[in-house]
Protein backbone atom coordinates (compact mmCIF):
# COMPACT_ATOMS: atom_id res chain seq x y z
CA VAL A 1 -1.33 -0.21 -13.76
CA ALA A 2 -0.28 2.88 -11.73
CA ILE A 3 2.84 3.07 -9.57
CA LYS A 4 2.78 5.34 -6.58
CA ARG A 5 6.00 6.21 -4.64
CA VAL A 6 5.56 7.15 -1.00
CA PRO A 7 8.76 8.56 0.57
CA ARG A 8 9.38 7.29 4.19
CA ASP A 9 9.65 10.80 5.60
CA ARG A 10 6.13 11.62 4.42
CA ILE A 11 4.48 8.62 6.16
CA ARG A 12 2.55 9.78 9.23
CA GLN A 13 0.74 6.55 10.22
CA TRP A 14 2.03 3.02 10.29
CA GLY A 15 0.25 -0.33 10.55
CA GLU A 16 0.93 -3.99 10.57
CA LEU A 17 -0.07 -6.67 7.97
CA PRO A 18 -1.21 -10.14 9.09
CA ASN A 19 2.37 -11.47 8.31
CA GLY A 20 3.80 -8.93 10.86
CA ALA A 21 5.26 -6.54 8.35
CA ARG A 22 5.29 -2.87 9.58
CA VAL A 23 4.06 -0.77 6.59
CA PRO A 24 2.33 2.54 5.93
CA LEU A 25 -1.33 2.47 6.96
CA GLU A 26 -2.35 3.04 3.38
CA ILE A 27 -0.97 -0.40 2.46
CA VAL A 28 -2.76 -2.06 5.43
CA LEU A 29 -6.12 -0.46 4.48
CA LEU A 30 -5.77 -1.18 0.77
CA ASP A 31 -4.81 -4.83 1.49
CA ARG A 32 -8.00 -5.23 3.56
CA VAL A 33 -10.50 -3.68 1.04
CA SER A 34 -8.89 -4.13 -2.33
CA THR A 35 -10.28 -7.65 -2.84
CA GLY A 36 -14.03 -7.98 -3.14
CA CYS A 37 -15.01 -4.38 -2.70
CA ALA A 38 -16.34 -2.78 -5.89
CA GLY A 39 -15.18 0.77 -6.45
CA VAL A 40 -11.91 0.42 -4.55
CA ILE A 41 -8.68 0.55 -6.44
CA GLN A 42 -6.92 -2.82 -6.12
CA LEU A 43 -3.45 -2.98 -4.55
CA LEU A 44 -1.62 -5.41 -6.80
CA GLU A 45 1.80 -5.31 -5.12
CA TRP A 46 4.00 -3.29 -2.90
CA VAL A 47 7.78 -3.00 -2.54
CA GLU A 48 9.76 -1.59 0.40
CA LEU A 49 12.89 0.41 -0.68
CA PRO A 50 15.44 2.00 1.70
CA ASN A 51 13.87 5.46 1.47
CA SER A 52 10.33 4.79 0.20
CA PHE A 53 7.58 2.36 -0.60
CA LEU A 54 6.31 1.60 -4.09
CA LEU A 55 2.67 0.70 -4.51
CA VAL A 56 1.47 -1.04 -7.72
CA LEU A 57 -2.19 -0.30 -8.18
CA GLU A 58 -4.77 -1.01 -10.79
CA ARG A 59 -5.40 2.09 -12.94
CA PRO A 60 -8.90 3.38 -12.64
């Protein structure tokens, strides 16, 4: 796996997941395409921290 940390102050665009959670657009897009699309890194999990988000991704 690979872990990516995204600081909140670096997030330019936000989106909303089907459950209503407001998250970085990167998480929304990866959530939509990471299952069933060959060649796209799969988002395994994400965690919201006070000052950042952690994304757990499959390692290519």
